[in-house]
Amino acid sequence: MAELVREDDTLVLKLSTVEKAEGVHGDIQVPISSVEAVAVVDDIIHAVHGIKMPGSRLPGVFAMGTFMSGKETIFAIIHHQNKRGVRVTLHGERFDALLIGADDPEKLVASLRL
C-alpha cells in the first residue's frame, strides 16, 4: 500500500513493488516548497480523469499511474477499496497533482504537518 510521508523538507510517495509495476513509476519525491495545497477528497476514484500514460486503470474501480487531461498531469495510486483519499496540488514539478487513496485521509493530512 502506498505511503505518503514527510521527510524533513521533502514529501515522499513511497510505492510498494506491485504499485511500482502497475503504475510504471518509482517512488516520487517533491520539495515541500512545491506543495500548493493538500485536500481530502471524498470520491477519490472519480477525481482521476484523462488519458492513462502509462499505468493501470479500471475506471471507477482503481487507478495507478500517470494521467493526462488538458494541461494537467496527475499521478494516482488508488486501490479498489479506497473510497476516499488525498489530493496534493503541486507547482513547478513533473506532476500537477498526486491523488492517493487513503483509509483515513484526515489522519494522513495531519501527519504531513504542512
N, C-alpha and C. Protein backbone atom coordinates (compact mmCIF):
# COMPACT_ATOMS: atom_id res chain seq x y z
N MET A 1 0.84 -1.18 0.00
CA MET A 1 0.00 0.00 0.00
C MET A 1 0.88 1.24 0.00
N ALA A 2 0.57 2.19 -0.84
CA ALA A 2 1.34 3.43 -0.94
C ALA A 2 1.33 4.17 0.40
N GLU A 3 2.42 4.88 0.63
CA GLU A 3 2.57 5.63 1.87
C GLU A 3 3.04 7.04 1.51
N LEU A 4 2.31 8.04 1.94
CA LEU A 4 2.68 9.43 1.73
C LEU A 4 3.23 9.96 3.05
N VAL A 5 4.51 10.39 3.04
CA VAL A 5 5.15 10.83 4.27
C VAL A 5 5.96 12.09 4.03
N ARG A 6 6.20 12.79 5.11
CA ARG A 6 7.09 13.95 5.06
C ARG A 6 8.41 13.52 5.66
N GLU A 7 9.48 13.77 4.92
CA GLU A 7 10.83 13.51 5.41
C GLU A 7 11.58 14.83 5.33
N ASP A 8 11.69 15.50 6.47
CA ASP A 8 12.31 16.83 6.55
C ASP A 8 11.58 17.80 5.61
N ASP A 9 12.27 18.30 4.60
CA ASP A 9 11.66 19.28 3.68
C ASP A 9 11.22 18.64 2.37
N THR A 10 10.94 17.33 2.41
CA THR A 10 10.54 16.60 1.21
C THR A 10 9.27 15.80 1.48
N LEU A 11 8.36 15.82 0.51
CA LEU A 11 7.17 14.98 0.55
C LEU A 11 7.48 13.76 -0.30
N VAL A 12 7.29 12.57 0.25
CA VAL A 12 7.66 11.33 -0.44
C VAL A 12 6.44 10.42 -0.56
N LEU A 13 6.17 9.98 -1.77
CA LEU A 13 5.15 8.97 -2.03
C LEU A 13 5.88 7.67 -2.24
N LYS A 14 5.83 6.80 -1.23
CA LYS A 14 6.53 5.51 -1.27
C LYS A 14 5.55 4.46 -1.81
N LEU A 15 5.97 3.78 -2.87
CA LEU A 15 5.14 2.77 -3.51
C LEU A 15 5.66 1.38 -3.22
N SER A 16 4.73 0.43 -3.12
CA SER A 16 5.13 -0.97 -2.98
C SER A 16 5.68 -1.46 -4.32
N THR A 17 6.29 -2.61 -4.33
CA THR A 17 6.82 -3.18 -5.57
C THR A 17 5.71 -3.38 -6.60
N VAL A 18 4.56 -3.86 -6.17
CA VAL A 18 3.43 -4.07 -7.08
C VAL A 18 2.94 -2.74 -7.63
N GLU A 19 2.83 -1.73 -6.78
CA GLU A 19 2.38 -0.40 -7.22
C GLU A 19 3.37 0.20 -8.22
N LYS A 20 4.65 -0.02 -8.01
CA LYS A 20 5.65 0.46 -8.95
C LYS A 20 5.45 -0.19 -10.32
N ALA A 21 5.15 -1.48 -10.32
CA ALA A 21 4.92 -2.19 -11.59
C ALA A 21 3.62 -1.74 -12.25
N GLU A 22 2.54 -1.65 -11.48
CA GLU A 22 1.24 -1.26 -12.04
C GLU A 22 1.21 0.20 -12.46
N GLY A 23 1.89 1.06 -11.70
CA GLY A 23 1.91 2.49 -12.01
C GLY A 23 3.02 2.88 -12.95
N VAL A 24 3.89 1.93 -13.28
CA VAL A 24 5.04 2.16 -14.16
C VAL A 24 5.81 3.40 -13.70
N HIS A 25 6.13 3.40 -12.41
CA HIS A 25 6.83 4.55 -11.82
C HIS A 25 7.42 4.14 -10.49
N GLY A 26 8.50 4.79 -10.12
CA GLY A 26 9.09 4.57 -8.80
C GLY A 26 8.52 5.53 -7.78
N ASP A 27 9.13 5.54 -6.61
CA ASP A 27 8.73 6.48 -5.57
C ASP A 27 8.85 7.91 -6.11
N ILE A 28 8.03 8.80 -5.57
CA ILE A 28 8.02 10.20 -6.00
C ILE A 28 8.43 11.07 -4.82
N GLN A 29 9.38 11.97 -5.06
CA GLN A 29 9.82 12.92 -4.05
C GLN A 29 9.67 14.34 -4.59
N VAL A 30 9.07 15.21 -3.78
CA VAL A 30 8.95 16.62 -4.17
C VAL A 30 9.27 17.47 -2.94
N PRO A 31 9.89 18.62 -3.17
CA PRO A 31 10.14 19.52 -2.04
C PRO A 31 8.83 20.05 -1.47
N ILE A 32 8.80 20.23 -0.17
CA ILE A 32 7.62 20.78 0.49
C ILE A 32 7.27 22.14 -0.11
N SER A 33 8.26 22.89 -0.56
CA SER A 33 8.01 24.21 -1.14
C SER A 33 7.20 24.13 -2.43
N SER A 34 7.12 22.95 -3.06
CA SER A 34 6.33 22.77 -4.29
C SER A 34 4.87 22.44 -4.02
N VAL A 35 4.52 22.21 -2.76
CA VAL A 35 3.15 21.84 -2.41
C VAL A 35 2.31 23.10 -2.28
N GLU A 36 1.29 23.21 -3.15
CA GLU A 36 0.36 24.35 -3.09
C GLU A 36 -0.78 24.10 -2.11
N ALA A 37 -1.29 22.86 -2.12
CA ALA A 37 -2.44 22.55 -1.27
C ALA A 37 -2.53 21.04 -1.07
N VAL A 38 -3.14 20.68 0.04
CA VAL A 38 -3.44 19.28 0.33
C VAL A 38 -4.90 19.24 0.78
N ALA A 39 -5.69 18.40 0.11
CA ALA A 39 -7.12 18.37 0.42
C ALA A 39 -7.64 16.95 0.48
N VAL A 40 -8.60 16.72 1.35
CA VAL A 40 -9.31 15.45 1.43
C VAL A 40 -10.31 15.40 0.28
N VAL A 41 -10.37 14.26 -0.39
CA VAL A 41 -11.32 14.06 -1.50
C VAL A 41 -12.21 12.88 -1.13
N ASP A 42 -13.53 13.10 -1.07
CA ASP A 42 -14.45 12.05 -0.64
C ASP A 42 -14.64 10.95 -1.68
N ASP A 43 -14.61 11.27 -2.94
CA ASP A 43 -14.79 10.28 -4.01
C ASP A 43 -13.54 10.27 -4.87
N ILE A 44 -12.46 9.72 -4.32
CA ILE A 44 -11.14 9.85 -4.92
C ILE A 44 -11.04 9.20 -6.30
N ILE A 45 -11.69 8.07 -6.53
CA ILE A 45 -11.55 7.39 -7.82
C ILE A 45 -12.13 8.22 -8.96
N HIS A 46 -13.16 8.98 -8.69
CA HIS A 46 -13.76 9.81 -9.74
C HIS A 46 -13.05 11.15 -9.91
N ALA A 47 -12.02 11.39 -9.09
CA ALA A 47 -11.18 12.57 -9.28
C ALA A 47 -10.10 12.30 -10.35
N VAL A 48 -9.94 11.04 -10.72
CA VAL A 48 -8.98 10.67 -11.77
C VAL A 48 -9.67 10.80 -13.11
N HIS A 49 -9.05 11.56 -14.01
CA HIS A 49 -9.62 11.74 -15.34
C HIS A 49 -8.49 11.86 -16.34
N GLY A 50 -8.81 11.72 -17.57
CA GLY A 50 -7.81 11.89 -18.62
C GLY A 50 -7.31 10.58 -19.19
N ILE A 51 -6.28 10.68 -19.98
CA ILE A 51 -5.69 9.54 -20.67
C ILE A 51 -4.59 8.95 -19.81
N LYS A 52 -4.61 7.64 -19.65
CA LYS A 52 -3.60 6.93 -18.87
C LYS A 52 -2.31 6.86 -19.69
N MET A 53 -1.20 7.34 -19.08
CA MET A 53 0.06 7.41 -19.83
C MET A 53 1.27 7.25 -18.94
N PRO A 54 1.80 6.22 -18.61
CA PRO A 54 1.34 4.84 -18.58
C PRO A 54 0.79 4.50 -17.21
N GLY A 55 0.32 3.30 -17.06
CA GLY A 55 -0.21 2.84 -15.79
C GLY A 55 -1.28 1.80 -15.96
N SER A 56 -2.04 1.58 -14.89
CA SER A 56 -3.12 0.60 -14.87
C SER A 56 -4.38 1.28 -14.39
N ARG A 57 -5.51 0.94 -15.01
CA ARG A 57 -6.76 1.58 -14.60
C ARG A 57 -7.95 0.74 -15.00
N LEU A 58 -8.90 0.66 -14.10
CA LEU A 58 -10.23 0.15 -14.39
C LEU A 58 -11.16 1.26 -13.90
N PRO A 59 -11.73 2.06 -14.83
CA PRO A 59 -12.49 3.25 -14.44
C PRO A 59 -13.53 2.96 -13.35
N GLY A 60 -13.51 3.81 -12.34
CA GLY A 60 -14.44 3.68 -11.22
C GLY A 60 -14.04 2.63 -10.20
N VAL A 61 -12.92 1.92 -10.44
CA VAL A 61 -12.51 0.85 -9.54
C VAL A 61 -11.11 1.09 -8.97
N PHE A 62 -10.10 1.24 -9.82
CA PHE A 62 -8.75 1.54 -9.36
C PHE A 62 -8.00 2.33 -10.42
N ALA A 63 -6.96 3.03 -9.98
CA ALA A 63 -6.13 3.81 -10.89
C ALA A 63 -4.72 3.89 -10.31
N MET A 64 -3.74 3.52 -11.12
CA MET A 64 -2.34 3.59 -10.70
C MET A 64 -1.51 4.03 -11.88
N GLY A 65 -0.90 5.20 -11.77
CA GLY A 65 -0.04 5.66 -12.84
C GLY A 65 -0.26 7.12 -13.17
N THR A 66 0.20 7.48 -14.35
CA THR A 66 0.14 8.86 -14.83
C THR A 66 -1.08 9.07 -15.71
N PHE A 67 -1.78 10.17 -15.49
CA PHE A 67 -2.98 10.51 -16.26
C PHE A 67 -2.85 11.95 -16.74
N MET A 68 -3.16 12.15 -18.02
CA MET A 68 -3.06 13.49 -18.60
C MET A 68 -4.43 13.94 -19.08
N SER A 69 -4.80 15.16 -18.67
CA SER A 69 -6.07 15.74 -19.07
C SER A 69 -5.85 17.22 -19.32
N GLY A 70 -5.98 17.62 -20.59
CA GLY A 70 -5.70 19.02 -20.91
C GLY A 70 -4.26 19.32 -20.59
N LYS A 71 -4.04 20.33 -19.78
CA LYS A 71 -2.68 20.71 -19.39
C LYS A 71 -2.27 20.14 -18.05
N GLU A 72 -3.13 19.33 -17.44
CA GLU A 72 -2.84 18.78 -16.11
C GLU A 72 -2.31 17.36 -16.21
N THR A 73 -1.24 17.10 -15.47
CA THR A 73 -0.68 15.75 -15.37
C THR A 73 -0.80 15.32 -13.92
N ILE A 74 -1.44 14.16 -13.73
CA ILE A 74 -1.72 13.64 -12.38
C ILE A 74 -1.05 12.29 -12.22
N PHE A 75 -0.52 12.03 -11.03
CA PHE A 75 -0.09 10.68 -10.70
C PHE A 75 -1.05 10.17 -9.63
N ALA A 76 -1.63 9.00 -9.87
CA ALA A 76 -2.64 8.45 -8.95
C ALA A 76 -2.25 7.06 -8.47
N ILE A 77 -2.50 6.82 -7.21
CA ILE A 77 -2.40 5.48 -6.62
C ILE A 77 -3.66 5.29 -5.79
N ILE A 78 -4.63 4.62 -6.40
CA ILE A 78 -5.93 4.41 -5.75
C ILE A 78 -6.32 2.95 -5.93
N HIS A 79 -6.46 2.25 -4.83
CA HIS A 79 -6.86 0.84 -4.85
C HIS A 79 -8.39 0.73 -4.82
N HIS A 80 -8.90 -0.42 -5.18
CA HIS A 80 -10.36 -0.62 -5.26
C HIS A 80 -11.07 -0.36 -3.95
N GLN A 81 -10.41 -0.59 -2.82
CA GLN A 81 -11.08 -0.39 -1.53
C GLN A 81 -11.06 1.07 -1.08
N ASN A 82 -10.32 1.93 -1.77
CA ASN A 82 -10.23 3.33 -1.39
C ASN A 82 -11.40 4.13 -1.93
N LYS A 83 -12.27 4.54 -1.04
CA LYS A 83 -13.40 5.41 -1.42
C LYS A 83 -13.01 6.87 -1.27
N ARG A 84 -12.12 7.13 -0.31
CA ARG A 84 -11.68 8.49 -0.03
C ARG A 84 -10.17 8.59 -0.20
N GLY A 85 -9.66 9.81 -0.22
CA GLY A 85 -8.22 9.97 -0.36
C GLY A 85 -7.79 11.41 -0.23
N VAL A 86 -6.59 11.67 -0.76
CA VAL A 86 -5.96 12.98 -0.63
C VAL A 86 -5.48 13.44 -1.99
N ARG A 87 -5.69 14.72 -2.26
CA ARG A 87 -5.13 15.36 -3.45
C ARG A 87 -4.06 16.35 -3.00
N VAL A 88 -2.86 16.15 -3.52
CA VAL A 88 -1.76 17.07 -3.26
C VAL A 88 -1.55 17.86 -4.54
N THR A 89 -1.81 19.16 -4.50
CA THR A 89 -1.63 20.03 -5.65
C THR A 89 -0.21 20.60 -5.60
N LEU A 90 0.50 20.46 -6.73
CA LEU A 90 1.91 20.86 -6.80
C LEU A 90 2.12 21.97 -7.83
N HIS A 91 3.22 22.68 -7.70
CA HIS A 91 3.62 23.66 -8.73
C HIS A 91 5.11 23.47 -9.01
N GLY A 92 5.45 23.63 -10.29
CA GLY A 92 6.85 23.52 -10.68
C GLY A 92 7.42 22.13 -10.67
N GLU A 93 6.57 21.13 -10.69
CA GLU A 93 7.02 19.74 -10.67
C GLU A 93 6.51 19.00 -11.91
N ARG A 94 6.99 17.80 -12.11
CA ARG A 94 6.55 16.99 -13.27
C ARG A 94 5.05 16.75 -13.23
N PHE A 95 4.52 16.52 -12.03
CA PHE A 95 3.08 16.29 -11.86
C PHE A 95 2.43 17.54 -11.28
N ASP A 96 1.22 17.84 -11.76
CA ASP A 96 0.45 18.95 -11.21
C ASP A 96 -0.26 18.55 -9.93
N ALA A 97 -0.50 17.23 -9.79
CA ALA A 97 -1.17 16.74 -8.59
C ALA A 97 -0.85 15.27 -8.36
N LEU A 98 -0.91 14.88 -7.09
CA LEU A 98 -0.84 13.48 -6.68
C LEU A 98 -2.18 13.14 -6.07
N LEU A 99 -2.77 12.02 -6.49
CA LEU A 99 -4.02 11.53 -5.89
C LEU A 99 -3.71 10.20 -5.23
N ILE A 100 -3.96 10.13 -3.93
CA ILE A 100 -3.62 8.95 -3.16
C ILE A 100 -4.84 8.48 -2.40
N GLY A 101 -5.22 7.23 -2.60
CA GLY A 101 -6.31 6.66 -1.82
C GLY A 101 -5.86 6.43 -0.39
N ALA A 102 -6.76 6.65 0.57
CA ALA A 102 -6.40 6.50 1.98
C ALA A 102 -7.61 6.06 2.79
N ASP A 103 -7.38 5.18 3.77
CA ASP A 103 -8.47 4.76 4.66
C ASP A 103 -8.92 5.90 5.57
N ASP A 104 -7.97 6.71 6.01
CA ASP A 104 -8.26 7.83 6.90
C ASP A 104 -7.53 9.07 6.37
N PRO A 105 -8.10 9.73 5.35
CA PRO A 105 -7.39 10.85 4.73
C PRO A 105 -7.14 12.03 5.69
N GLU A 106 -8.02 12.27 6.64
CA GLU A 106 -7.81 13.36 7.59
C GLU A 106 -6.56 13.10 8.43
N LYS A 107 -6.38 11.87 8.86
CA LYS A 107 -5.19 11.49 9.64
C LYS A 107 -3.94 11.63 8.78
N LEU A 108 -4.03 11.24 7.52
CA LEU A 108 -2.89 11.36 6.61
C LEU A 108 -2.49 12.82 6.44
N VAL A 109 -3.45 13.70 6.19
CA VAL A 109 -3.15 15.13 6.03
C VAL A 109 -2.51 15.69 7.29
N ALA A 110 -3.04 15.35 8.45
CA ALA A 110 -2.48 15.84 9.71
C ALA A 110 -1.04 15.35 9.92
N SER A 111 -0.75 14.14 9.49
CA SER A 111 0.60 13.57 9.69
C SER A 111 1.66 14.28 8.84
N LEU A 112 1.24 14.98 7.78
CA LEU A 112 2.20 15.65 6.90
C LEU A 112 2.74 16.95 7.48
N ARG A 113 2.06 17.52 8.48
CA ARG A 113 2.48 18.75 9.15
C ARG A 113 2.80 19.87 8.16
N LEU A 114 1.87 20.13 7.26
CA LEU A 114 2.09 21.19 6.26
C LEU A 114 1.43 22.48 6.70
